[in-house]
Amino acid sequence: MQWLNKVADEVIARHPEGEILVSSGASPSGTYHIGHLREIVTCDAIVRELETRGRTARHLHFVDDLDALRKIPVNIPAAYEKYLGQSLCDIPSPEGHGSYADYFLSGLLRSAKALDIDMEVIYSHEKYRSGFFSSAIEKSLSNAAGAKKILEAVSGRKLGEEWSPIQVNEDGYLKKRAFESINTKAKTIIYLDKDGSKKTTGYQEGEVKLDWRIDWPARWWLLGVHVEPFGRDHATRGGSYDTGEALVKEIFGGEPPLPVPYDFVNRTGDTKKMSASKGTGIEAAEVIEVLPPEIIRYFMLRFAPQKRLYFDPQNGVAHLIDEFAELLAKEPKSKLIRLSRAGTKPVVSQVPFSHLLGSYQASLRDTDKTLDVIARTEHAEVAGKQAEVIKSELNYLSNWLDKWAPQEIKFELAKDIKATNFNNSQQKFLKSLAAKIKAAPVNADGEWFHKAIYDLQSELAMAPKDMFETLYKALIGKTSGPRAGWFLFILPREWLIKRLKLEA
């Protein structure tokens, strides 16, 4: 993990003493998705790496809940249009209790807890309304002309004569207003309303908010941020980081944090990044239910932040988990494994995902029966040593089957059967197998059932492929399925005999 070593080396060189603050942040304007997890996982990895080097480090997460609601997400009622322009912290939650911001933030906080990410959550509205940002507002407005000049020079775009670095709260709505003057003793400003009339308001209690391009460097300065990962859209030439770097130095007299830009997490096959407002993201709160924490961390950290990640919730999960298990077996003490498993209980076993999947469904999602099936295979030793890990892994596998798994790999017992759906040779095979099973010893295991099927091959002159397709069709309504012998072994004997006799 050269990228992590490089970040740690550089920040320690910049700040050889004292606590190191690593910051993340986002606006709770819509559902947090898997892409948002990349930022907080990256911050957590940096903090943990610094701690292994003997440094004290802390992760701050800044919640931009004083931001105005700009658009209505797809999962929010259209009636919320009346709140456009209001601060997210002041809009009621769709659930009826708490704020709009809290409603969406809760998913991220649950995700951080599941991943054992320790971060100090800072709310924008609390900081502005407690006067924390007052000194930054004063510096910005006292040198508004200088801030404008910096923004134009660095971003390469011309700002209008009416531009000001602030938004003003008017009757509960944030408005862009032209700035006239500031009185730092009275803690008030004079601005022009939409009609050009002069208005006076205070700035100690959140009545005035800095624009994003000013707000970001202001918080670096006020909080003393040393490192900050952020999306690559802010890292473009003349973008938010470049303007922030100049503003924090020349307006606030501070130093910018070490930048750690990261690329987006896209769905496999998509060229556009996930969008919270459009509902195209995979919810972070859902991700932690389906993927074990160590797999989420591994997915985020196995490549440098600058590399775009592609996530396939249907067909990519098995490969991702098996890839992690393989690395765990080969390099159990590697930095990537250590950070992937940091603070969380191991959930991924050494049993291949595909084998777990087949065994679990063949056992009709019964955990104990699944362990029994695995214990009779080449993974018997693992099943014995990692039984508790496998039980935890099966909980996630079950959620994956319910939420993400492609239909073609899922199966359950067919509710009924019609003899007319099978030709004469198929019916003969099923009824012959039923007779064998009826006479089977009580202790017959998967191997016995497997042999019973093949014994009918020469007797009925039926190809194995045809036999197995017929069997799966009768049991689960599909032409393929789990290992047949062990599948038959775990099924209720009386039910199985009736089904094969085409009676149920």
Protein backbone atom coordinates (compact mmCIF):
# COMPACT_ATOMS: atom_id res chain seq x y z
CA MET A 1 0.00 0.00 0.00
CA GLN A 2 2.50 2.55 -1.24
CA TRP A 3 -0.08 5.33 -1.44
CA LEU A 4 -0.79 5.05 2.30
CA ASN A 5 2.88 4.98 3.20
CA LYS A 6 3.42 8.09 1.07
CA VAL A 7 0.55 9.99 2.72
CA ALA A 8 1.76 9.07 6.21
CA ASP A 9 5.37 9.98 5.40
CA GLU A 10 4.40 13.35 4.00
CA VAL A 11 2.00 14.41 6.74
CA ILE A 12 4.50 13.40 9.44
CA ALA A 13 7.20 15.41 7.66
CA ARG A 14 4.88 18.42 7.56
CA HIS A 15 3.79 18.02 11.20
CA PRO A 16 6.54 16.28 13.18
CA GLU A 17 4.83 16.95 16.51
CA GLY A 18 1.34 17.01 17.98
CA GLU A 19 -1.98 15.47 17.06
CA ILE A 20 -2.80 15.02 13.37
CA LEU A 21 -6.36 15.78 12.25
CA VAL A 22 -7.78 13.92 9.27
CA SER A 23 -11.04 15.28 7.89
CA SER A 24 -13.93 13.99 5.81
CA GLY A 25 -17.24 15.61 5.04
CA ALA A 26 -20.44 15.55 3.02
CA SER A 27 -23.80 17.22 2.69
CA PRO A 28 -26.74 15.12 3.98
CA SER A 29 -28.91 16.18 1.04
CA GLY A 30 -29.77 12.64 -0.05
CA THR A 31 -29.08 8.98 0.58
CA TYR A 32 -25.44 8.17 1.35
CA HIS A 33 -24.20 5.47 -1.01
CA ILE A 34 -21.21 3.15 -1.33
CA GLY A 35 -19.18 5.96 -2.92
CA HIS A 36 -19.40 7.98 0.30
CA LEU A 37 -17.89 5.06 2.20
CA ARG A 38 -14.67 5.38 0.23
CA GLU A 39 -13.93 8.73 1.88
CA ILE A 40 -14.46 7.65 5.47
CA VAL A 41 -12.67 4.31 4.97
CA THR A 42 -9.70 6.19 3.45
CA CYS A 43 -9.61 8.60 6.41
CA ASP A 44 -9.77 5.72 8.86
CA ALA A 45 -6.88 3.92 7.12
CA ILE A 46 -4.74 7.07 7.34
CA VAL A 47 -5.52 7.50 11.04
CA ARG A 48 -4.69 3.85 11.79
CA GLU A 49 -1.45 4.00 9.82
CA LEU A 50 -0.37 7.12 11.70
CA GLU A 51 -1.17 5.42 15.00
CA THR A 52 1.00 2.43 14.09
CA ARG A 53 3.83 4.94 13.70
CA GLY A 54 3.32 6.24 17.20
CA ARG A 55 1.40 9.39 16.31
CA THR A 56 -1.86 10.59 17.82
CA ALA A 57 -4.45 11.10 15.08
CA ARG A 58 -8.14 11.90 14.96
CA HIS A 59 -10.82 11.61 12.27
CA LEU A 60 -13.24 14.55 12.01
CA HIS A 61 -16.36 14.24 9.88
CA PHE A 62 -17.96 17.57 8.98
CA VAL A 63 -21.69 17.42 8.22
CA ASP A 64 -22.75 20.26 5.91
CA ASP A 65 -26.28 20.37 7.29
CA LEU A 66 -26.55 24.16 7.13
CA ASP A 67 -26.44 23.85 3.32
CA ALA A 68 -29.63 24.69 1.46
CA LEU A 69 -31.77 21.99 -0.14
CA ARG A 70 -31.12 22.41 -3.89
CA LYS A 71 -33.08 19.55 -5.45
CA ILE A 72 -35.60 16.91 -4.37
CA PRO A 73 -34.19 13.35 -4.38
CA VAL A 74 -36.24 10.67 -6.10
CA ASN A 75 -37.17 9.03 -2.80
CA ILE A 76 -38.57 12.21 -1.23
CA PRO A 77 -42.17 13.45 -1.76
CA ALA A 78 -42.63 16.23 -4.31
CA ALA A 79 -44.31 18.26 -1.56
CA TYR A 80 -40.81 18.96 -0.24
CA GLU A 81 -40.35 21.49 -3.04
CA LYS A 82 -41.62 24.11 -0.58
CA TYR A 83 -38.42 23.59 1.40
CA LEU A 84 -36.06 24.32 -1.50
CA GLY A 85 -33.59 26.92 -0.27
CA GLN A 86 -33.99 26.08 3.41
CA SER A 87 -31.11 24.65 5.43
CA LEU A 88 -31.13 20.85 5.63
CA CYS A 89 -31.02 20.98 9.42
CA ASP A 90 -34.25 23.02 9.54
CA ILE A 91 -36.35 20.84 7.21
CA PRO A 92 -38.51 18.17 8.87
CA SER A 93 -37.62 14.53 8.38
CA PRO A 94 -39.81 12.48 6.02
CA GLU A 95 -40.26 10.13 8.97
CA GLY A 96 -41.85 12.82 11.11
CA HIS A 97 -39.18 13.14 13.80
CA GLY A 98 -35.79 14.80 13.64
CA SER A 99 -34.53 16.80 10.68
CA TYR A 100 -34.13 16.07 6.99
CA ALA A 101 -30.37 16.06 7.53
CA ASP A 102 -30.60 13.58 10.41
CA TYR A 103 -32.84 11.31 8.31
CA PHE A 104 -30.12 10.82 5.70
CA LEU A 105 -27.10 11.08 7.99
CA SER A 106 -28.30 8.15 10.09
CA GLY A 107 -27.42 5.71 7.28
CA LEU A 108 -23.82 6.92 7.17
CA LEU A 109 -23.46 6.82 10.94
CA ARG A 110 -24.75 3.23 11.07
CA SER A 111 -22.30 2.33 8.32
CA ALA A 112 -19.37 3.92 10.15
CA LYS A 113 -20.28 2.02 13.31
CA ALA A 114 -20.52 -1.30 11.45
CA LEU A 115 -17.08 -0.66 9.95
CA ASP A 116 -15.68 0.35 13.36
CA ILE A 117 -14.74 3.78 12.04
CA ASP A 118 -14.20 6.14 14.94
CA MET A 119 -14.94 9.66 13.75
CA GLU A 120 -15.88 12.82 15.60
CA VAL A 121 -19.01 14.17 13.92
CA ILE A 122 -19.16 17.97 13.61
CA TYR A 123 -22.37 19.66 12.51
CA SER A 124 -22.16 22.80 10.41
CA HIS A 125 -25.30 24.36 11.89
CA GLU A 126 -23.97 23.98 15.43
CA LYS A 127 -20.67 25.61 14.53
CA TYR A 128 -22.24 28.56 12.71
CA ARG A 129 -24.94 29.12 15.31
CA SER A 130 -22.47 29.03 18.19
CA GLY A 131 -20.30 31.75 16.64
CA PHE A 132 -17.45 29.37 15.76
CA PHE A 133 -17.34 30.69 12.18
CA SER A 134 -17.56 34.38 13.16
CA SER A 135 -13.83 35.06 12.82
CA ALA A 136 -13.80 33.40 9.39
CA ILE A 137 -16.82 35.46 8.29
CA GLU A 138 -15.06 38.62 9.45
CA LYS A 139 -11.86 37.81 7.58
CA SER A 140 -13.81 36.87 4.43
CA LEU A 141 -15.96 40.01 4.41
CA SER A 142 -13.20 42.38 5.50
CA ASN A 143 -11.25 41.23 2.46
CA ALA A 144 -14.12 40.30 0.14
CA ALA A 145 -12.42 42.02 -2.80
CA GLY A 146 -9.28 39.98 -2.21
CA ALA A 147 -11.24 36.73 -1.97
CA LYS A 148 -13.00 37.54 -5.24
CA LYS A 149 -9.70 38.29 -6.95
CA ILE A 150 -8.25 34.96 -5.77
CA LEU A 151 -11.29 32.99 -6.97
CA GLU A 152 -11.17 34.63 -10.39
CA ALA A 153 -7.42 34.14 -10.79
CA VAL A 154 -7.32 30.51 -9.65
CA SER A 155 -10.58 29.27 -11.17
CA GLY A 156 -10.16 31.22 -14.39
CA ARG A 157 -13.74 32.49 -14.42
CA LYS A 158 -15.14 35.98 -14.04
CA LEU A 159 -17.46 36.72 -11.11
CA GLY A 160 -20.24 39.32 -11.37
CA GLU A 161 -20.17 42.73 -9.70
CA GLU A 162 -22.86 41.56 -7.26
CA TRP A 163 -20.75 38.61 -6.03
CA SER A 164 -20.18 38.22 -2.30
CA PRO A 165 -18.70 35.37 -0.24
CA ILE A 166 -21.86 34.86 1.81
CA GLN A 167 -25.43 33.65 1.85
CA VAL A 168 -27.96 35.32 4.15
CA ASN A 169 -30.85 33.68 5.96
CA GLU A 170 -34.04 35.54 5.08
CA ASP A 171 -37.22 34.17 6.66
CA GLY A 172 -35.74 30.70 6.88
CA TYR A 173 -34.30 30.58 3.34
CA LEU A 174 -30.65 31.02 2.35
CA LYS A 175 -30.26 33.75 -0.26
CA LYS A 176 -27.29 35.06 -2.24
CA ARG A 177 -27.08 38.75 -1.41
CA ALA A 178 -24.70 41.58 -2.26
CA PHE A 179 -22.52 42.56 0.70
CA GLU A 180 -22.21 46.21 1.75
CA SER A 181 -20.31 46.46 5.04
CA ILE A 182 -19.46 44.73 8.33
CA ASN A 183 -19.41 45.96 11.92
CA THR A 184 -17.15 43.57 13.85
CA LYS A 185 -17.96 45.22 17.21
CA ALA A 186 -21.72 44.82 16.81
CA LYS A 187 -21.26 41.52 14.95
CA THR A 188 -23.58 42.66 12.17
CA ILE A 189 -23.43 43.17 8.43
CA ILE A 190 -25.31 45.37 5.98
CA TYR A 191 -26.38 43.73 2.73
CA LEU A 192 -28.75 44.45 -0.14
CA ASP A 193 -31.97 42.47 -0.41
CA LYS A 194 -33.54 41.41 -3.74
CA ASP A 195 -35.02 44.90 -4.20
CA GLY A 196 -31.71 46.63 -3.54
CA SER A 197 -32.73 47.88 -0.11
CA LYS A 198 -30.17 47.87 2.68
CA LYS A 199 -30.75 45.32 5.43
CA THR A 200 -28.91 44.62 8.66
CA THR A 201 -28.40 41.18 10.20
CA GLY A 202 -26.10 39.54 12.72
CA TYR A 203 -23.61 36.79 11.93
CA GLN A 204 -23.01 35.22 15.34
CA GLU A 205 -25.93 32.80 15.30
CA GLY A 206 -25.94 31.33 11.80
CA GLU A 207 -27.77 34.17 10.02
CA VAL A 208 -24.84 34.36 7.59
CA LYS A 209 -23.18 31.39 5.90
CA LEU A 210 -20.02 31.34 3.81
CA ASP A 211 -20.25 30.04 0.25
CA TRP A 212 -18.77 26.56 -0.29
CA ARG A 213 -15.52 27.75 -1.88
CA ILE A 214 -14.91 30.03 1.13
CA ASP A 215 -16.42 27.73 3.76
CA TRP A 216 -14.08 24.82 2.99
CA PRO A 217 -10.77 26.67 3.57
CA ALA A 218 -12.37 28.48 6.52
CA ARG A 219 -12.96 25.18 8.31
CA TRP A 220 -9.41 23.99 7.50
CA TRP A 221 -8.16 27.08 9.29
CA LEU A 222 -10.63 26.98 12.19
CA LEU A 223 -10.36 23.25 12.88
CA GLY A 224 -6.66 22.90 12.05
CA VAL A 225 -7.12 20.11 9.49
CA HIS A 226 -3.88 18.40 8.39
CA VAL A 227 -5.09 15.78 5.87
CA GLU A 228 -8.27 15.59 3.82
CA PRO A 229 -9.42 13.03 1.23
CA PHE A 230 -12.00 14.38 -1.23
CA GLY A 231 -13.61 13.46 -4.53
CA ARG A 232 -11.66 14.04 -7.72
CA ASP A 233 -14.27 16.60 -8.88
CA HIS A 234 -12.82 18.97 -6.26
CA ALA A 235 -9.27 18.22 -7.42
CA THR A 236 -9.57 19.52 -10.99
CA ARG A 237 -7.33 22.38 -12.06
CA GLY A 238 -8.86 25.59 -10.69
CA GLY A 239 -11.36 23.57 -8.67
CA SER A 240 -12.44 23.79 -5.03
CA TYR A 241 -9.15 22.55 -3.58
CA ASP A 242 -7.01 24.89 -5.66
CA THR A 243 -9.09 27.93 -4.71
CA GLY A 244 -9.24 26.74 -1.10
CA GLU A 245 -5.46 26.39 -0.97
CA ALA A 246 -5.00 30.00 -2.07
CA LEU A 247 -7.78 31.36 0.15
CA VAL A 248 -6.62 29.63 3.35
CA LYS A 249 -3.14 31.10 2.89
CA GLU A 250 -4.01 34.62 1.77
CA ILE A 251 -7.33 35.32 3.51
CA PHE A 252 -7.13 33.24 6.69
CA GLY A 253 -3.37 33.02 7.19
CA GLY A 254 -3.42 29.25 7.52
CA GLU A 255 -2.07 26.21 5.71
CA PRO A 256 -4.05 23.83 3.49
CA PRO A 257 -4.31 20.17 4.45
CA LEU A 258 -2.43 17.48 2.57
CA PRO A 259 -4.82 16.58 -0.26
CA VAL A 260 -5.78 12.94 -0.89
CA PRO A 261 -8.08 13.03 -3.95
CA TYR A 262 -9.97 9.86 -4.70
CA ASP A 263 -11.90 8.68 -7.74
CA PHE A 264 -15.52 7.58 -7.70
CA VAL A 265 -17.12 4.20 -7.14
CA ASN A 266 -19.23 3.32 -10.18
CA ARG A 267 -21.54 0.45 -10.83
CA THR A 268 -19.86 -1.97 -13.21
CA GLY A 269 -20.72 -0.89 -16.75
CA ASP A 270 -21.71 2.67 -15.76
CA THR A 271 -19.71 5.67 -16.95
CA LYS A 272 -21.38 8.11 -14.56
CA LYS A 273 -20.80 8.27 -10.83
CA MET A 274 -23.53 7.25 -8.42
CA SER A 275 -25.99 10.00 -7.53
CA ALA A 276 -27.80 10.33 -4.21
CA SER A 277 -30.46 12.67 -5.60
CA LYS A 278 -31.14 10.52 -8.68
CA GLY A 279 -31.29 7.31 -6.69
CA THR A 280 -28.58 5.60 -8.75
CA GLY A 281 -26.36 4.80 -5.78
CA ILE A 282 -26.18 1.58 -3.78
CA GLU A 283 -27.13 2.70 -0.28
CA ALA A 284 -24.36 2.59 2.30
CA ALA A 285 -26.83 1.31 4.90
CA GLU A 286 -27.66 -1.61 2.59
CA VAL A 287 -24.03 -2.34 1.78
CA ILE A 288 -23.21 -2.99 5.44
CA GLU A 289 -26.08 -5.50 5.63
CA VAL A 290 -24.89 -7.48 2.61
CA LEU A 291 -21.10 -7.27 2.68
CA PRO A 292 -18.94 -8.18 5.68
CA PRO A 293 -17.04 -5.16 7.06
CA GLU A 294 -13.67 -6.60 6.06
CA ILE A 295 -14.85 -6.96 2.45
CA ILE A 296 -16.05 -3.35 2.30
CA ARG A 297 -12.72 -2.13 3.64
CA TYR A 298 -10.80 -4.45 1.33
CA PHE A 299 -12.76 -3.26 -1.71
CA MET A 300 -12.01 0.38 -0.85
CA LEU A 301 -8.35 -0.03 0.09
CA ARG A 302 -6.93 -2.62 -2.32
CA PHE A 303 -6.21 0.09 -4.89
CA ALA A 304 -4.82 3.61 -4.49
CA PRO A 305 -7.49 6.32 -4.02
CA GLN A 306 -6.76 7.77 -7.48
CA LYS A 307 -8.05 4.61 -9.16
CA ARG A 308 -11.73 4.42 -10.05
CA LEU A 309 -13.55 1.49 -8.49
CA TYR A 310 -16.30 -0.53 -10.13
CA PHE A 311 -18.76 -2.48 -8.05
CA ASP A 312 -20.96 -5.30 -9.28
CA PRO A 313 -23.46 -6.27 -6.56
CA GLN A 314 -24.77 -9.24 -8.53
CA ASN A 315 -21.85 -11.00 -10.16
CA GLY A 316 -18.83 -9.42 -8.49
CA VAL A 317 -19.42 -10.27 -4.84
CA ALA A 318 -18.32 -13.91 -5.05
CA HIS A 319 -15.07 -12.97 -6.80
CA LEU A 320 -14.39 -10.16 -4.32
CA ILE A 321 -14.87 -12.40 -1.28
CA ASP A 322 -12.83 -15.27 -2.72
CA GLU A 323 -10.07 -12.83 -3.68
CA PHE A 324 -9.94 -11.55 -0.11
CA ALA A 325 -9.90 -15.09 1.30
CA GLU A 326 -7.03 -16.00 -1.01
CA LEU A 327 -4.98 -12.99 0.14
CA LEU A 328 -5.83 -13.80 3.75
CA ALA A 329 -4.42 -17.32 3.28
CA LYS A 330 -1.27 -16.12 1.50
CA GLU A 331 -0.45 -12.89 3.39
CA PRO A 332 -2.35 -12.92 6.70
CA LYS A 333 -0.08 -10.28 8.23
CA SER A 334 -0.08 -7.84 5.29
CA LYS A 335 -1.02 -4.22 5.86
CA LEU A 336 -4.04 -4.56 3.57
CA ILE A 337 -5.39 -7.50 5.58
CA ARG A 338 -4.71 -5.72 8.86
CA LEU A 339 -6.57 -2.60 7.76
CA SER A 340 -9.38 -4.60 6.18
CA ARG A 341 -10.00 -6.44 9.42
CA ALA A 342 -9.27 -3.50 11.72
CA GLY A 343 -11.55 -3.38 14.72
CA THR A 344 -14.07 -5.88 13.40
CA LYS A 345 -14.72 -9.55 14.11
CA PRO A 346 -13.62 -11.87 11.26
CA VAL A 347 -16.57 -12.84 9.08
CA VAL A 348 -15.00 -14.29 5.92
CA SER A 349 -14.01 -17.96 6.13
CA GLN A 350 -11.70 -20.08 3.98
CA VAL A 351 -14.64 -21.89 2.38
CA PRO A 352 -15.08 -20.64 -1.23
CA PHE A 353 -18.12 -18.41 -1.67
CA SER A 354 -19.61 -20.57 -4.41
CA HIS A 355 -19.39 -23.63 -2.15
CA LEU A 356 -21.03 -21.76 0.72
CA LEU A 357 -23.74 -20.51 -1.60
CA GLY A 358 -24.57 -23.96 -2.92
CA SER A 359 -24.41 -25.63 0.50
CA TYR A 360 -26.55 -22.95 2.15
CA GLN A 361 -29.29 -23.08 -0.45
CA ALA A 362 -29.15 -26.87 -0.61
CA SER A 363 -29.67 -26.82 3.17
CA LEU A 364 -32.70 -24.58 2.62
CA ARG A 365 -30.88 -21.76 4.42
CA ASP A 366 -30.49 -23.73 7.61
CA THR A 367 -27.16 -22.70 9.16
CA ASP A 368 -26.56 -25.87 11.17
CA LYS A 369 -27.41 -28.11 8.22
CA THR A 370 -25.07 -26.03 6.05
CA LEU A 371 -22.20 -26.64 8.46
CA ASP A 372 -23.04 -30.34 8.45
CA VAL A 373 -22.98 -30.44 4.64
CA ILE A 374 -19.63 -28.60 4.48
CA ALA A 375 -18.23 -30.92 7.15
CA ARG A 376 -18.75 -33.83 4.75
CA THR A 377 -16.77 -32.21 1.92
CA GLU A 378 -13.13 -31.36 1.25
CA HIS A 379 -13.64 -28.29 3.48
CA ALA A 380 -14.40 -30.36 6.58
CA GLU A 381 -11.35 -29.12 8.49
CA VAL A 382 -12.24 -25.48 7.86
CA ALA A 383 -15.85 -26.11 8.88
CA GLY A 384 -14.62 -27.44 12.20
CA LYS A 385 -12.14 -24.66 12.94
CA GLN A 386 -14.16 -21.74 11.58
CA ALA A 387 -17.73 -22.73 12.45
CA GLU A 388 -18.54 -19.42 14.18
CA VAL A 389 -17.00 -17.39 11.36
CA ILE A 390 -19.02 -19.37 8.80
CA LYS A 391 -22.23 -18.74 10.76
CA SER A 392 -21.59 -14.98 10.63
CA GLU A 393 -20.68 -15.16 6.94
CA LEU A 394 -23.93 -16.99 6.16
CA ASN A 395 -25.94 -14.11 7.63
CA TYR A 396 -24.41 -11.79 5.05
CA LEU A 397 -24.80 -14.39 2.31
CA SER A 398 -28.50 -14.67 3.16
CA ASN A 399 -28.92 -10.91 2.82
CA TRP A 400 -27.06 -11.00 -0.49
CA LEU A 401 -29.47 -13.64 -1.77
CA ASP A 402 -32.44 -11.52 -0.72
CA LYS A 403 -31.19 -8.17 -1.98
CA TRP A 404 -28.60 -8.48 -4.76
CA ALA A 405 -28.16 -12.01 -6.06
CA PRO A 406 -29.14 -12.65 -9.71
CA GLN A 407 -32.25 -14.75 -10.09
CA GLU A 408 -30.52 -17.46 -12.09
CA ILE A 409 -28.38 -18.61 -9.13
CA LYS A 410 -31.14 -18.56 -6.52
CA PHE A 411 -33.34 -21.52 -5.89
CA GLU A 412 -35.94 -22.89 -3.51
CA LEU A 413 -38.08 -26.01 -3.49
CA ALA A 414 -40.78 -25.94 -6.15
CA LYS A 415 -44.22 -25.65 -4.55
CA ASP A 416 -45.85 -28.27 -6.75
CA ILE A 417 -45.13 -30.64 -9.63
CA LYS A 418 -47.01 -31.82 -12.73
CA ALA A 419 -46.34 -35.23 -14.25
CA THR A 420 -47.26 -33.87 -17.68
CA ASN A 421 -44.13 -31.72 -17.59
CA PHE A 422 -41.95 -34.83 -17.79
CA ASN A 423 -41.66 -37.38 -20.62
CA ASN A 424 -41.86 -41.14 -20.05
CA SER A 425 -38.12 -41.69 -19.58
CA GLN A 426 -37.88 -38.78 -17.14
CA GLN A 427 -40.85 -40.07 -15.14
CA LYS A 428 -39.32 -43.54 -15.03
CA PHE A 429 -36.02 -42.13 -13.73
CA LEU A 430 -37.71 -40.10 -10.97
CA LYS A 431 -39.90 -43.00 -9.81
CA SER A 432 -36.97 -45.44 -9.89
CA LEU A 433 -34.93 -43.04 -7.76
CA ALA A 434 -37.88 -42.72 -5.36
CA ALA A 435 -37.95 -46.50 -4.95
CA LYS A 436 -34.21 -46.61 -4.21
CA ILE A 437 -34.52 -43.84 -1.63
CA LYS A 438 -37.50 -45.51 0.04
CA ALA A 439 -35.31 -48.57 0.60
CA ALA A 440 -32.29 -46.52 1.69
CA PRO A 441 -30.71 -47.11 5.11
CA VAL A 442 -31.58 -44.55 7.78
CA ASN A 443 -27.97 -43.37 7.95
CA ALA A 444 -27.61 -42.87 4.17
CA ASP A 445 -25.46 -39.79 3.52
CA GLY A 446 -24.77 -37.58 0.53
CA GLU A 447 -22.38 -40.07 -1.00
CA TRP A 448 -25.04 -42.79 -0.85
CA PHE A 449 -27.57 -40.56 -2.65
CA HIS A 450 -24.98 -39.55 -5.23
CA LYS A 451 -24.21 -43.21 -5.99
CA ALA A 452 -27.92 -44.06 -6.13
CA ILE A 453 -28.40 -41.57 -8.96
CA TYR A 454 -25.46 -42.91 -10.99
CA ASP A 455 -26.52 -46.52 -10.44
CA LEU A 456 -29.62 -45.74 -12.51
CA GLN A 457 -27.55 -44.61 -15.51
CA SER A 458 -26.90 -48.08 -16.91
CA GLU A 459 -30.23 -49.44 -15.72
CA LEU A 460 -32.22 -46.78 -17.58
CA ALA A 461 -29.70 -45.98 -20.36
CA MET A 462 -30.05 -42.27 -19.53
CA ALA A 463 -27.23 -39.75 -19.82
CA PRO A 464 -26.08 -38.24 -16.51
CA LYS A 465 -26.79 -34.72 -17.79
CA ASP A 466 -30.41 -35.66 -18.52
CA MET A 467 -30.80 -37.31 -15.13
CA PHE A 468 -29.54 -34.32 -13.19
CA GLU A 469 -31.55 -31.80 -15.23
CA THR A 470 -34.69 -33.88 -14.64
CA LEU A 471 -33.95 -34.10 -10.93
CA TYR A 472 -33.39 -30.37 -10.50
CA LYS A 473 -36.51 -29.59 -12.52
CA ALA A 474 -38.57 -31.78 -10.20
CA LEU A 475 -37.10 -30.33 -7.01
CA ILE A 476 -36.45 -26.64 -7.69
CA GLY A 477 -37.97 -25.97 -11.11
CA LYS A 478 -34.57 -25.33 -12.72
CA THR A 479 -32.16 -27.38 -14.82
CA SER A 480 -29.17 -26.93 -12.52
CA GLY A 481 -28.56 -26.66 -8.81
CA PRO A 482 -26.35 -27.67 -5.86
CA ARG A 483 -24.49 -30.94 -5.42
CA ALA A 484 -27.30 -33.42 -5.92
CA GLY A 485 -26.27 -36.10 -3.43
CA TRP A 486 -25.96 -33.81 -0.45
CA PHE A 487 -29.01 -31.85 -1.52
CA LEU A 488 -31.14 -35.02 -1.46
CA PHE A 489 -29.55 -36.00 1.85
CA ILE A 490 -30.79 -32.93 3.72
CA LEU A 491 -34.32 -32.95 2.26
CA PRO A 492 -37.13 -34.48 4.38
CA ARG A 493 -37.20 -38.14 3.30
CA GLU A 494 -41.00 -38.54 3.06
CA TRP A 495 -41.40 -35.29 1.12
CA LEU A 496 -38.59 -36.26 -1.26
CA ILE A 497 -40.09 -39.68 -2.03
CA LYS A 498 -43.53 -38.18 -2.75
CA ARG A 499 -42.00 -35.51 -4.99
CA LEU A 500 -40.00 -38.06 -6.99
CA LYS A 501 -43.13 -40.17 -7.37
CA LEU A 502 -44.69 -36.97 -8.86
CA GLU A 503 -47.27 -36.84 -6.08
CA ALA A 504 -46.41 -33.49 -4.51
